[in-house]
Protein backbone atom coordinates (compact mmCIF):
# COMPACT_ATOMS: atom_id res chain seq x y z
CA MET A 1 -4.16 22.86 36.48
CA ASP A 2 -2.97 25.96 34.62
CA MET A 3 0.64 25.90 33.33
CA LYS A 4 0.90 29.63 34.12
CA HIS A 5 0.22 28.81 37.76
CA LEU A 6 2.98 26.19 37.69
CA ARG A 7 5.45 28.69 36.26
CA SER A 8 4.45 31.19 38.92
CA PHE A 9 4.94 28.63 41.66
CA VAL A 10 8.41 27.60 40.36
CA ALA A 11 9.50 31.23 40.14
CA VAL A 12 8.44 31.97 43.73
CA ALA A 13 9.96 28.68 44.97
CA GLU A 14 13.30 29.46 43.33
CA GLU A 15 13.40 33.12 44.32
CA LEU A 16 11.78 32.65 47.75
CA SER A 17 10.41 36.14 47.21
CA PHE A 18 7.10 37.19 45.68
CA SER A 19 8.49 40.55 44.57
CA ARG A 20 11.55 39.06 42.83
CA ALA A 21 9.42 36.32 41.26
CA ALA A 22 6.96 38.92 39.95
CA GLU A 23 9.81 40.91 38.45
CA ARG A 24 11.26 37.76 36.85
CA LEU A 25 7.89 36.91 35.32
CA HIS A 26 7.26 40.51 34.21
CA MET A 27 3.99 40.74 36.13
CA SER A 28 2.65 42.53 39.18
CA GLN A 29 2.66 40.88 42.59
CA PRO A 30 -1.14 40.61 43.26
CA PRO A 31 -1.93 38.25 40.33
CA LEU A 32 1.17 36.21 41.20
CA SER A 33 -0.11 35.77 44.76
CA GLN A 34 -3.49 34.77 43.31
CA HIS A 35 -1.83 32.08 41.18
CA ILE A 36 -0.21 30.54 44.26
CA LYS A 37 -3.47 30.72 46.23
CA SER A 38 -5.34 29.01 43.38
CA LEU A 39 -2.82 26.17 43.40
CA GLU A 40 -3.03 25.75 47.17
CA ASP A 41 -6.84 25.81 47.11
CA GLU A 42 -6.97 23.30 44.25
CA MET A 43 -4.68 20.81 46.02
CA GLY A 44 -5.78 21.60 49.56
CA VAL A 45 -2.19 21.98 50.79
CA CYS A 46 0.02 24.86 51.89
CA LEU A 47 2.99 25.27 49.56
CA PHE A 48 4.74 28.16 51.29
CA ALA A 49 5.28 29.23 54.90
CA ARG A 50 5.08 33.04 54.71
CA THR A 51 6.03 35.67 57.24
CA ARG A 52 6.73 39.38 56.83
CA ARG A 53 10.45 38.63 56.69
CA GLU A 54 10.73 35.45 54.62
CA VAL A 55 9.10 32.92 52.34
CA LYS A 56 9.92 29.23 52.78
CA LEU A 57 8.75 26.09 51.03
CA THR A 58 6.80 23.61 53.10
CA ASP A 59 7.56 19.90 52.78
CA ALA A 60 4.64 19.64 50.36
CA GLY A 61 6.03 22.64 48.47
CA ASN A 62 9.44 20.97 48.08
CA VAL A 63 7.85 17.87 46.57
CA PHE A 64 5.65 19.94 44.29
CA LEU A 65 8.67 21.97 43.11
CA GLN A 66 10.43 18.82 41.87
CA GLU A 67 7.33 17.59 40.07
CA SER A 68 6.55 21.01 38.60
CA ARG A 69 10.03 21.27 37.12
CA LEU A 70 9.56 17.87 35.48
CA LEU A 71 6.15 18.86 34.10
CA LEU A 72 7.43 22.14 32.69
CA GLY A 73 10.44 20.39 31.16
CA GLN A 74 8.20 17.83 29.49
CA MET A 75 5.99 20.61 28.17
CA ARG A 76 9.00 22.41 26.66
CA THR A 77 10.16 19.16 25.06
CA ALA A 78 6.71 18.54 23.58
CA ILE A 79 6.51 22.06 22.19
CA ASN A 80 10.01 21.92 20.69
CA ALA A 81 9.35 18.54 19.10
CA THR A 82 6.08 19.75 17.63
CA VAL A 83 7.64 22.91 16.19
CA LYS A 84 10.59 20.92 14.80
CA ALA A 85 8.26 18.43 13.15
CA ALA A 86 6.45 21.27 11.42
CA GLN A 87 9.64 22.70 9.96
CA SER A 88 10.80 21.50 6.55
CA ASP A 89 14.47 22.09 7.37
CA ALA A 90 14.64 19.84 10.43
CA GLY A 91 13.57 16.40 11.51
CA VAL A 92 14.21 12.84 10.36
CA LEU A 93 14.07 11.41 6.83
CA ARG A 94 13.73 7.62 6.61
CA LEU A 95 15.37 6.58 3.36
CA GLY A 96 15.54 3.19 1.67
CA VAL A 97 18.34 2.58 -0.83
CA ALA A 98 18.98 -0.17 -3.34
CA THR A 99 22.59 -1.31 -2.98
CA SER A 100 23.77 0.00 -6.36
CA ALA A 101 22.36 3.44 -5.50
CA LEU A 102 24.80 3.64 -2.59
CA PHE A 103 27.55 4.08 -5.20
CA GLY A 104 25.94 6.24 -7.88
CA VAL A 105 23.21 8.24 -6.15
CA MET A 106 23.88 8.55 -2.44
CA PRO A 107 27.08 10.64 -2.50
CA LYS A 108 25.33 13.44 -4.40
CA PHE A 109 22.09 12.98 -2.44
CA MET A 110 23.85 13.37 0.92
CA ASP A 111 25.83 16.41 -0.28
CA LEU A 112 22.57 18.07 -1.33
CA MET A 113 20.83 17.16 1.92
CA ARG A 114 23.67 18.52 4.06
CA SER A 115 23.71 21.83 2.20
CA THR A 116 19.92 22.24 1.84
CA PHE A 117 18.63 20.61 5.05
CA PRO A 118 21.59 20.66 7.47
CA ASN A 119 19.40 19.87 10.50
CA VAL A 120 17.76 16.78 9.00
CA ASP A 121 18.88 13.39 10.28
CA VAL A 122 18.87 10.93 7.34
CA LEU A 123 18.32 7.33 8.42
CA VAL A 124 19.43 4.97 5.63
CA ASN A 125 18.35 1.37 5.08
CA ASP A 126 20.05 -0.79 2.42
CA MET A 127 16.97 -2.65 1.16
CA GLN A 128 15.85 -4.62 -1.84
CA SER A 129 13.62 -2.62 -4.14
CA GLN A 130 10.52 -4.76 -3.60
CA ASP A 131 10.86 -4.35 0.17
CA GLN A 132 11.13 -0.59 -0.24
CA VAL A 133 7.92 -0.48 -2.28
CA ALA A 134 6.10 -2.20 0.57
CA ALA A 135 7.70 -0.01 3.25
CA VAL A 136 6.91 3.26 1.43
CA SER A 137 3.35 2.08 0.86
CA GLN A 138 2.96 1.30 4.58
CA GLY A 139 4.62 4.53 5.72
CA THR A 140 7.65 2.97 7.43
CA LEU A 141 9.94 4.64 4.86
CA ASP A 142 9.57 8.23 3.66
CA ILE A 143 11.42 7.81 0.35
CA GLY A 144 12.78 4.80 -1.47
CA ILE A 145 15.57 4.81 -4.04
CA VAL A 146 14.86 1.71 -6.10
CA HIS A 147 15.44 0.01 -9.42
CA VAL A 148 12.48 0.68 -11.70
CA ARG A 149 9.73 -1.76 -10.77
CA PRO A 150 6.19 -2.38 -12.08
CA ASP A 151 4.75 -2.83 -8.57
CA ARG A 152 5.25 0.83 -7.55
CA MET A 153 2.45 2.18 -9.77
CA LYS A 154 0.35 3.34 -6.81
CA LEU A 155 3.25 5.44 -5.53
CA HIS A 156 4.71 8.66 -6.85
CA HIS A 157 7.96 7.99 -8.68
CA MET A 158 10.67 10.06 -10.35
CA PRO A 159 13.53 8.77 -12.55
CA ILE A 160 16.81 9.95 -11.07
CA PHE A 161 19.67 7.82 -12.43
CA ASP A 162 20.49 5.77 -15.50
CA GLU A 163 23.75 3.94 -16.14
CA SER A 164 25.31 1.20 -18.21
CA LEU A 165 27.36 -1.76 -17.04
CA VAL A 166 31.14 -2.19 -16.77
CA ALA A 167 33.19 -5.37 -16.81
CA VAL A 168 35.15 -6.32 -13.68
CA LEU A 169 38.36 -8.26 -14.31
CA PRO A 170 41.21 -9.50 -12.13
CA VAL A 171 44.16 -7.16 -12.54
CA ARG A 172 46.23 -9.87 -14.28
CA HIS A 173 43.48 -10.98 -16.66
CA PRO A 174 44.69 -11.07 -20.28
CA LEU A 175 41.92 -8.69 -21.39
CA VAL A 176 42.62 -5.86 -18.94
CA ASP A 177 44.71 -3.91 -21.46
CA SER A 178 43.08 -5.09 -24.67
CA PRO A 179 42.61 -2.08 -26.96
CA THR A 180 39.63 -3.72 -28.67
CA PHE A 181 37.89 -4.99 -25.56
CA ALA A 182 34.20 -5.81 -26.08
CA LEU A 183 31.56 -7.61 -24.05
CA ALA A 184 31.60 -10.54 -26.51
CA ASP A 185 35.18 -11.22 -25.38
CA LEU A 186 33.72 -12.56 -22.12
CA ALA A 187 31.52 -15.17 -23.78
CA GLN A 188 33.64 -18.08 -22.57
CA GLU A 189 34.45 -16.65 -19.15
CA PRO A 190 32.86 -17.89 -15.91
CA MET A 191 30.97 -15.05 -14.26
CA VAL A 192 30.21 -13.84 -10.74
CA ALA A 193 26.94 -11.91 -10.49
CA ILE A 194 24.54 -10.31 -8.06
CA SER A 195 21.84 -12.82 -7.17
CA ARG A 196 18.52 -12.17 -8.86
CA ASP A 197 16.68 -12.45 -5.53
CA HIS A 198 18.71 -9.54 -4.20
CA GLY A 199 19.10 -7.42 -7.36
CA PRO A 200 16.64 -8.49 -10.06
CA ALA A 201 17.06 -5.30 -12.11
CA VAL A 202 20.86 -5.58 -12.20
CA PHE A 203 20.73 -9.33 -12.86
CA ASP A 204 18.31 -8.82 -15.75
CA ALA A 205 20.51 -6.03 -17.15
CA ILE A 206 23.46 -8.43 -17.19
CA ILE A 207 21.46 -11.06 -19.06
CA SER A 208 20.13 -8.51 -21.56
CA SER A 209 23.57 -7.08 -22.27
CA CYS A 210 25.14 -10.50 -22.85
CA LEU A 211 22.31 -11.67 -25.09
CA GLU A 212 22.63 -8.49 -27.12
CA ALA A 213 26.36 -9.22 -27.46
CA GLY A 214 25.52 -12.68 -28.84
CA PHE A 215 26.02 -15.05 -25.93
CA HIS A 216 24.35 -16.34 -22.80
CA PRO A 217 26.46 -15.56 -19.72
CA ASN A 218 28.08 -18.46 -17.88
CA ILE A 219 27.07 -17.31 -14.38
CA LYS A 220 28.69 -19.76 -11.97
CA HIS A 221 28.76 -17.80 -8.71
CA LEU A 222 26.19 -15.52 -7.05
CA SER A 223 26.38 -13.03 -4.20
CA ARG A 224 24.14 -10.46 -2.53
CA ASN A 225 26.98 -8.04 -1.84
CA PRO A 226 29.09 -6.15 -4.41
CA MET A 227 32.14 -6.24 -2.16
CA ILE A 228 31.92 -10.04 -2.08
CA ILE A 229 31.60 -10.07 -5.87
CA PHE A 230 34.77 -7.98 -6.13
CA GLN A 231 36.64 -10.30 -3.80
CA MET A 232 35.52 -13.39 -5.74
CA VAL A 233 36.70 -11.79 -9.01
CA ARG A 234 40.01 -10.85 -7.40
CA LEU A 235 40.46 -14.47 -6.26
CA GLY A 236 39.89 -15.75 -9.79
CA PHE A 237 36.38 -17.22 -9.52
CA GLY A 238 35.41 -15.40 -12.71
CA VAL A 239 34.69 -12.00 -14.20
CA SER A 240 31.67 -9.85 -13.52
CA LEU A 241 29.39 -7.15 -14.89
CA VAL A 242 28.25 -4.43 -12.49
CA PRO A 243 26.66 -0.96 -12.70
CA ARG A 244 29.10 1.70 -13.86
CA SER A 245 29.04 3.55 -10.54
CA TYR A 246 30.57 0.53 -8.78
CA ALA A 247 33.86 1.39 -10.46
CA ASP A 248 34.26 4.27 -7.99
CA SER A 249 34.92 1.77 -5.20
CA GLU A 250 38.63 1.37 -6.13
CA PHE A 251 38.71 -2.24 -4.92
CA PRO A 252 42.33 -3.51 -4.96
CA GLY A 253 43.36 -6.20 -7.46
CA LEU A 254 40.67 -5.33 -10.02
CA ARG A 255 40.35 -3.49 -13.31
CA PHE A 256 37.09 -2.02 -14.55
CA ARG A 257 36.57 -1.88 -18.30
CA ASP A 258 33.93 0.35 -19.86
CA LEU A 259 31.51 -1.19 -22.33
CA PRO A 260 29.62 0.37 -25.21
CA SER A 261 26.07 1.39 -24.39
CA THR A 262 23.93 -1.75 -24.27
CA ALA A 263 20.32 -2.74 -23.82
CA GLY A 264 21.09 -3.78 -20.26
CA ARG A 265 20.96 -0.43 -18.53
CA VAL A 266 20.31 0.02 -14.82
CA ARG A 267 17.58 2.56 -14.12
CA ILE A 268 16.97 3.96 -10.66
CA GLU A 269 14.05 6.04 -9.45
CA ALA A 270 12.79 7.59 -6.24
CA ILE A 271 9.41 6.59 -4.84
CA TRP A 272 7.24 8.16 -2.14
CA ASN A 273 3.68 8.05 -0.86
CA ASP A 274 1.90 11.41 -1.08
CA ARG A 275 -0.84 10.24 1.29
CA ARG A 276 1.65 9.60 4.07
CA ALA A 277 4.29 12.19 3.21
CA SER A 278 5.42 14.76 5.76
CA GLU A 279 6.19 18.33 4.73
CA LEU A 280 9.90 17.44 4.96
CA THR A 281 9.44 14.50 2.57
CA LEU A 282 7.60 16.67 0.06
CA GLU A 283 10.28 19.35 0.28
CA VAL A 284 12.96 16.75 -0.43
CA THR A 285 11.03 15.49 -3.46
CA ARG A 286 10.72 19.05 -4.77
CA ARG A 287 14.16 20.43 -3.96
CA ILE A 288 16.58 17.49 -3.88
CA LEU A 289 15.37 14.69 -6.15
CA PRO A 290 15.25 16.75 -9.38
CA GLN A 291 18.95 17.54 -8.89
CA LEU A 292 20.00 13.88 -8.72
CA THR A 293 19.68 13.09 -12.41
CA VAL A 294 23.12 12.07 -13.65
CA ALA A 295 24.00 11.74 -17.30
CA PRO A 296 24.58 8.09 -18.28
């Protein structure tokens, strides 16, 4: 069944006039009449009751009008969706994000996306880095923002962020205003840390930094969530070390103290799968990701 014939039928059915329908469709009346006849012959039903004075829909014509409108609407939806999918400035971007990247990377990333691709809907999943590697490999994520990992070698990857750690202290801790504060000052302090299962790169950075400062950290409490870590520090469970960007959270009852550059840096990169990448994904990797690099 020709879609042109359907459009011709709907025009005649809505105008109840072959001449007005022909004018609306910017065509002459004879081919329009032929379109209607072809439809009637194909289905073996009469769609219109025609006299010299008027054109009316038959009962079959009324039913076919409803169905034709649905079909034409579905066709328009399919065409629009296809065109939108082919455009690099519209569509959906499925993004995985390691928790620490929500503080240091995502604010700038979203600002760039809104200004460069205002019609793109960014769907964000807070996921562990190893889960993102699997999801990007399988095509269920378009881009992952992960801590640097050895198991992403088969994927394209781009370094985008590099930061040191800061100490998190309760606001009344004796070291909050120390002018000579150093990481070694925390050697005897109980610590609250991100669990290694949830944030292996951050956990390992904490261990490396403390060992470099001459002590092994006394990690007594673990959490998967930085907000829980902050609350535990505020309640006096211990002190903590977190990525520098966490200090932007302005959590009440805490003080963040900068530390000298240490071996325990947190490095974040973007990963994507060229074999499964849409044009939108590739445009984001070319136009957005290179702008994310932030000085440590």
